[in-house]
Amino acid sequence: MDSEQPLCLRTPLPFAARTPVNNFTETVKHKLKKKKKKKKKKKKKKKKKKKKKKKKKKKKI
């Protein structure tokens, strides 16, 4: 029992801690790379639309 407890506690800790960390880092990196590219394109389109809307409002006033 004394020998089994540390082994059981020792095995799941590094194994469980290593897998999610790797998965999390890879997922975050992939999402960040994809989101950054998509956000840059969307921001440029949104800025153009906002500028047009502001100009229309100024003309109306």
PDB file of N, CA and C in Angstrom:
ATOM      1  N   MET A   1       0.835  -1.206   0.000  1.00  0.00           N
ATOM      2  CA  MET A   1       0.000   0.000   0.000  1.00  0.00           C
ATOM      3  C   MET A   1       0.874   1.262   0.000  1.00  0.00           C
ATOM      4  N   ASP A   2       1.933   1.241   0.829  1.00  0.00           N
ATOM      5  CA  ASP A   2       2.797   2.432   0.896  1.00  0.00           C
ATOM      6  C   ASP A   2       3.496   2.653  -0.441  1.00  0.00           C
ATOM      7  N   SER A   3       3.869   1.555  -1.107  1.00  0.00           N
ATOM      8  CA  SER A   3       4.592   1.669  -2.379  1.00  0.00           C
ATOM      9  C   SER A   3       3.619   2.055  -3.496  1.00  0.00           C
ATOM     10  N   GLU A   4       2.378   1.585  -3.397  1.00  0.00           N
ATOM     11  CA  GLU A   4       1.415   1.835  -4.473  1.00  0.00           C
ATOM     12  C   GLU A   4       0.941   3.307  -4.462  1.00  0.00           C
ATOM     13  N   GLN A   5       0.828   3.915  -3.288  1.00  0.00           N
ATOM     14  CA  GLN A   5       0.293   5.291  -3.217  1.00  0.00           C
ATOM     15  C   GLN A   5       1.190   6.295  -3.955  1.00  0.00           C
ATOM     16  N   PRO A   6       2.484   6.342  -3.677  1.00  0.00           N
ATOM     17  CA  PRO A   6       3.318   7.319  -4.389  1.00  0.00           C
ATOM     18  C   PRO A   6       3.362   7.044  -5.880  1.00  0.00           C
ATOM     19  N   LEU A   7       3.343   5.758  -6.257  1.00  0.00           N
ATOM     20  CA  LEU A   7       3.385   5.425  -7.684  1.00  0.00           C
ATOM     21  C   LEU A   7       2.109   5.931  -8.370  1.00  0.00           C
ATOM     22  N   CYS A   8       0.981   5.695  -7.729  1.00  0.00           N
ATOM     23  CA  CYS A   8      -0.299   6.114  -8.303  1.00  0.00           C
ATOM     24  C   CYS A   8      -0.347   7.649  -8.374  1.00  0.00           C
ATOM     25  N   LEU A   9       0.111   8.294  -7.324  1.00  0.00           N
ATOM     26  CA  LEU A   9       0.072   9.759  -7.293  1.00  0.00           C
ATOM     27  C   LEU A   9       1.087  10.327  -8.287  1.00  0.00           C
ATOM     28  N   ARG A  10       2.217   9.637  -8.419  1.00  0.00           N
ATOM     29  CA  ARG A  10       3.283  10.170  -9.269  1.00  0.00           C
ATOM     30  C   ARG A  10       2.945   9.972 -10.758  1.00  0.00           C
ATOM     31  N   THR A  11       2.291   8.892 -11.103  1.00  0.00           N
ATOM     32  CA  THR A  11       2.040   8.618 -12.524  1.00  0.00           C
ATOM     33  C   THR A  11       1.025   9.573 -13.153  1.00  0.00           C
ATOM     34  N   PRO A  12      -0.138   9.768 -12.549  1.00  0.00           N
ATOM     35  CA  PRO A  12      -1.131  10.623 -13.215  1.00  0.00           C
ATOM     36  C   PRO A  12      -0.744  12.102 -13.257  1.00  0.00           C
ATOM     37  N   LEU A  13       0.052  12.551 -12.303  1.00  0.00           N
ATOM     38  CA  LEU A  13       0.395  13.982 -12.272  1.00  0.00           C
ATOM     39  C   LEU A  13       1.175  14.428 -13.512  1.00  0.00           C
ATOM     40  N   PRO A  14       2.370  13.861 -13.778  1.00  0.00           N
ATOM     41  CA  PRO A  14       3.105  14.335 -14.961  1.00  0.00           C
ATOM     42  C   PRO A  14       2.385  13.980 -16.248  1.00  0.00           C
ATOM     43  N   PHE A  15       1.786  12.804 -16.295  1.00  0.00           N
ATOM     44  CA  PHE A  15       1.100  12.373 -17.532  1.00  0.00           C
ATOM     45  C   PHE A  15      -0.085  13.301 -17.836  1.00  0.00           C
ATOM     46  N   ALA A  16      -0.902  13.532 -16.806  1.00  0.00           N
ATOM     47  CA  ALA A  16      -2.099  14.366 -17.019  1.00  0.00           C
ATOM     48  C   ALA A  16      -1.698  15.829 -17.244  1.00  0.00           C
ATOM     49  N   ALA A  17      -0.660  16.278 -16.517  1.00  0.00           N
ATOM     50  CA  ALA A  17      -0.264  17.688 -16.643  1.00  0.00           C
ATOM     51  C   ALA A  17       0.398  17.930 -17.999  1.00  0.00           C
ATOM     52  N   ARG A  18       1.092  16.934 -18.502  1.00  0.00           N
ATOM     53  CA  ARG A  18       1.828  17.141 -19.764  1.00  0.00           C
ATOM     54  C   ARG A  18       0.862  17.162 -20.958  1.00  0.00           C
ATOM     55  N   THR A  19      -0.085  16.260 -20.983  1.00  0.00           N
ATOM     56  CA  THR A  19      -0.965  16.179 -22.167  1.00  0.00           C
ATOM     57  C   THR A  19      -1.813  17.437 -22.349  1.00  0.00           C
ATOM     58  N   PRO A  20      -2.557  17.883 -21.328  1.00  0.00           N
ATOM     59  CA  PRO A  20      -3.387  19.077 -21.547  1.00  0.00           C
ATOM     60  C   PRO A  20      -2.568  20.329 -21.838  1.00  0.00           C
ATOM     61  N   VAL A  21      -1.409  20.425 -21.229  1.00  0.00           N
ATOM     62  CA  VAL A  21      -0.570  21.620 -21.478  1.00  0.00           C
ATOM     63  C   VAL A  21      -0.180  21.650 -22.948  1.00  0.00           C
ATOM     64  N   ASN A  22       0.234  20.509 -23.481  1.00  0.00           N
ATOM     65  CA  ASN A  22       0.630  20.438 -24.893  1.00  0.00           C
ATOM     66  C   ASN A  22      -0.581  20.743 -25.777  1.00  0.00           C
ATOM     67  N   ASN A  23      -1.698  20.117 -25.461  1.00  0.00           N
ATOM     68  CA  ASN A  23      -2.910  20.327 -26.272  1.00  0.00           C
ATOM     69  C   ASN A  23      -3.336  21.789 -26.188  1.00  0.00           C
ATOM     70  N   PHE A  24      -3.325  22.327 -24.981  1.00  0.00           N
ATOM     71  CA  PHE A  24      -3.770  23.715 -24.779  1.00  0.00           C
ATOM     72  C   PHE A  24      -2.866  24.681 -25.549  1.00  0.00           C
ATOM     73  N   THR A  25      -1.549  24.465 -25.419  1.00  0.00           N
ATOM     74  CA  THR A  25      -0.618  25.382 -26.099  1.00  0.00           C
ATOM     75  C   THR A  25      -0.824  25.303 -27.614  1.00  0.00           C
ATOM     76  N   GLU A  26      -0.945  24.077 -28.135  1.00  0.00           N
ATOM     77  CA  GLU A  26      -1.106  23.940 -29.590  1.00  0.00           C
ATOM     78  C   GLU A  26      -2.433  24.555 -30.036  1.00  0.00           C
ATOM     79  N   THR A  27      -3.489  24.293 -29.267  1.00  0.00           N
ATOM     80  CA  THR A  27      -4.804  24.844 -29.639  1.00  0.00           C
ATOM     81  C   THR A  27      -4.768  26.362 -29.594  1.00  0.00           C
ATOM     82  N   VAL A  28      -4.205  26.916 -28.543  1.00  0.00           N
ATOM     83  CA  VAL A  28      -4.148  28.383 -28.410  1.00  0.00           C
ATOM     84  C   VAL A  28      -3.326  28.963 -29.552  1.00  0.00           C
ATOM     85  N   LYS A  29      -2.184  28.350 -29.849  1.00  0.00           N
ATOM     86  CA  LYS A  29      -1.324  28.878 -30.926  1.00  0.00           C
ATOM     87  C   LYS A  29      -2.078  28.838 -32.248  1.00  0.00           C
ATOM     88  N   HIS A  30      -2.763  27.720 -32.518  1.00  0.00           N
ATOM     89  CA  HIS A  30      -3.499  27.609 -33.780  1.00  0.00           C
ATOM     90  C   HIS A  30      -4.629  28.641 -33.832  1.00  0.00           C
ATOM     91  N   LYS A  31      -5.345  28.764 -32.714  1.00  0.00           N
ATOM     92  CA  LYS A  31      -6.482  29.704 -32.695  1.00  0.00           C
ATOM     93  C   LYS A  31      -5.973  31.137 -32.814  1.00  0.00           C
ATOM     94  N   LEU A  32      -4.863  31.432 -32.140  1.00  0.00           N
ATOM     95  CA  LEU A  32      -4.327  32.795 -32.189  1.00  0.00           C
ATOM     96  C   LEU A  32      -3.901  33.123 -33.619  1.00  0.00           C
ATOM     97  N   LYS A  33      -3.219  32.176 -34.262  1.00  0.00           N
ATOM     98  CA  LYS A  33      -2.738  32.424 -35.629  1.00  0.00           C
ATOM     99  C   LYS A  33      -3.936  32.617 -36.560  1.00  0.00           C
ATOM    100  N   LYS A  34      -4.944  31.762 -36.445  1.00  0.00           N
ATOM    101  CA  LYS A  34      -6.104  31.862 -37.335  1.00  0.00           C
ATOM    102  C   LYS A  34      -6.916  33.123 -37.009  1.00  0.00           C
ATOM    103  N   LYS A  35      -7.080  33.400 -35.717  1.00  0.00           N
ATOM    104  CA  LYS A  35      -7.898  34.557 -35.321  1.00  0.00           C
ATOM    105  C   LYS A  35      -7.203  35.853 -35.729  1.00  0.00           C
ATOM    106  N   LYS A  36      -5.892  35.928 -35.574  1.00  0.00           N
ATOM    107  CA  LYS A  36      -5.170  37.164 -35.905  1.00  0.00           C
ATOM    108  C   LYS A  36      -5.333  37.471 -37.393  1.00  0.00           C
ATOM    109  N   LYS A  37      -5.231  36.467 -38.243  1.00  0.00           N
ATOM    110  CA  LYS A  37      -5.353  36.693 -39.685  1.00  0.00           C
ATOM    111  C   LYS A  37      -6.778  37.115 -40.019  1.00  0.00           C
ATOM    112  N   LYS A  38      -7.757  36.448 -39.408  1.00  0.00           N
ATOM    113  CA  LYS A  38      -9.159  36.770 -39.717  1.00  0.00           C
ATOM    114  C   LYS A  38      -9.528  38.135 -39.131  1.00  0.00           C
ATOM    115  N   LYS A  39      -9.041  38.433 -37.938  1.00  0.00           N
ATOM    116  CA  LYS A  39      -9.393  39.704 -37.292  1.00  0.00           C
ATOM    117  C   LYS A  39      -8.820  40.871 -38.097  1.00  0.00           C
ATOM    118  N   LYS A  40      -7.610  40.728 -38.617  1.00  0.00           N
ATOM    119  CA  LYS A  40      -6.994  41.824 -39.378  1.00  0.00           C
ATOM    120  C   LYS A  40      -7.844  42.126 -40.614  1.00  0.00           C
ATOM    121  N   LYS A  41      -8.314  41.099 -41.294  1.00  0.00           N
ATOM    122  CA  LYS A  41      -9.119  41.317 -42.495  1.00  0.00           C
ATOM    123  C   LYS A  41     -10.470  41.936 -42.114  1.00  0.00           C
ATOM    124  N   LYS A  42     -11.053  41.442 -41.024  1.00  0.00           N
ATOM    125  CA  LYS A  42     -12.372  41.947 -40.614  1.00  0.00           C
ATOM    126  C   LYS A  42     -12.256  43.395 -40.134  1.00  0.00           C
ATOM    127  N   LYS A  43     -11.177  43.718 -39.432  1.00  0.00           N
ATOM    128  CA  LYS A  43     -11.017  45.082 -38.901  1.00  0.00           C
ATOM    129  C   LYS A  43     -10.937  46.069 -40.062  1.00  0.00           C
ATOM    130  N   LYS A  44     -10.222  45.732 -41.126  1.00  0.00           N
ATOM    131  CA  LYS A  44     -10.084  46.651 -42.257  1.00  0.00           C
ATOM    132  C   LYS A  44     -11.460  46.881 -42.894  1.00  0.00           C
ATOM    133  N   LYS A  45     -12.236  45.819 -43.026  1.00  0.00           N
ATOM    134  CA  LYS A  45     -13.560  45.967 -43.642  1.00  0.00           C
ATOM    135  C   LYS A  45     -14.474  46.782 -42.733  1.00  0.00           C
ATOM    136  N   LYS A  46     -14.402  46.538 -41.436  1.00  0.00           N
ATOM    137  CA  LYS A  46     -15.280  47.252 -40.491  1.00  0.00           C
ATOM    138  C   LYS A  46     -14.905  48.735 -40.466  1.00  0.00           C
ATOM    139  N   LYS A  47     -13.619  49.052 -40.519  1.00  0.00           N
ATOM    140  CA  LYS A  47     -13.182  50.454 -40.481  1.00  0.00           C
ATOM    141  C   LYS A  47     -13.749  51.192 -41.701  1.00  0.00           C
ATOM    142  N   LYS A  48     -13.712  50.572 -42.864  1.00  0.00           N
ATOM    143  CA  LYS A  48     -14.221  51.228 -44.071  1.00  0.00           C
ATOM    144  C   LYS A  48     -15.720  51.479 -43.927  1.00  0.00           C
ATOM    145  N   LYS A  49     -16.438  50.494 -43.394  1.00  0.00           N
ATOM    146  CA  LYS A  49     -17.893  50.644 -43.241  1.00  0.00           C
ATOM    147  C   LYS A  49     -18.196  51.740 -42.221  1.00  0.00           C
ATOM    148  N   LYS A  50     -17.438  51.791 -41.128  1.00  0.00           N
ATOM    149  CA  LYS A  50     -17.692  52.800 -40.082  1.00  0.00           C
ATOM    150  C   LYS A  50     -17.430  54.198 -40.656  1.00  0.00           C
ATOM    151  N   LYS A  51     -16.378  54.352 -41.436  1.00  0.00           N
ATOM    152  CA  LYS A  51     -16.046  55.661 -42.001  1.00  0.00           C
ATOM    153  C   LYS A  51     -17.183  56.102 -42.931  1.00  0.00           C
ATOM    154  N   LYS A  52     -17.706  55.192 -43.719  1.00  0.00           N
ATOM    155  CA  LYS A  52     -18.784  55.544 -44.642  1.00  0.00           C
ATOM    156  C   LYS A  52     -20.026  55.963 -43.859  1.00  0.00           C
ATOM    157  N   LYS A  53     -20.322  55.216 -42.784  1.00  0.00           N
ATOM    158  CA  LYS A  53     -21.519  55.526 -41.987  1.00  0.00           C
ATOM    159  C   LYS A  53     -21.357  56.901 -41.331  1.00  0.00           C
ATOM    160  N   LYS A  54     -20.173  57.205 -40.836  1.00  0.00           N
ATOM    161  CA  LYS A  54     -19.941  58.495 -40.175  1.00  0.00           C
ATOM    162  C   LYS A  54     -20.098  59.618 -41.194  1.00  0.00           C
ATOM    163  N   LYS A  55     -19.589  59.433 -42.391  1.00  0.00           N
ATOM    164  CA  LYS A  55     -19.688  60.478 -43.417  1.00  0.00           C
ATOM    165  C   LYS A  55     -21.159  60.713 -43.770  1.00  0.00           C
ATOM    166  N   LYS A  56     -21.935  59.630 -43.862  1.00  0.00           N
ATOM    167  CA  LYS A  56     -23.357  59.761 -44.208  1.00  0.00           C
ATOM    168  C   LYS A  56     -24.076  60.547 -43.108  1.00  0.00           C
ATOM    169  N   LYS A  57     -23.746  60.249 -41.862  1.00  0.00           N
ATOM    170  CA  LYS A  57     -24.414  60.935 -40.741  1.00  0.00           C
ATOM    171  C   LYS A  57     -24.045  62.427 -40.758  1.00  0.00           C
ATOM    172  N   LYS A  58     -22.787  62.736 -41.043  1.00  0.00           N
ATOM    173  CA  LYS A  58     -22.345  64.133 -41.068  1.00  0.00           C
ATOM    174  C   LYS A  58     -23.067  64.881 -42.198  1.00  0.00           C
ATOM    175  N   LYS A  59     -23.247  64.229 -43.324  1.00  0.00           N
ATOM    176  CA  LYS A  59     -23.909  64.876 -44.457  1.00  0.00           C
ATOM    177  C   LYS A  59     -25.372  65.159 -44.105  1.00  0.00           C
ATOM    178  N   LYS A  60     -25.998  64.194 -43.385  1.00  0.00           N
ATOM    179  CA  LYS A  60     -27.418  64.361 -43.017  1.00  0.00           C
ATOM    180  C   LYS A  60     -27.568  65.547 -42.062  1.00  0.00           C
ATOM    181  N   ILE A  61     -26.643  65.683 -41.141  1.00  0.00           N
ATOM    182  CA  ILE A  61     -26.725  66.790 -40.174  1.00  0.00           C
ATOM    183  C   ILE A  61     -26.395  68.067 -40.925  1.00  0.00           C
TER     184      ILE A  61
END
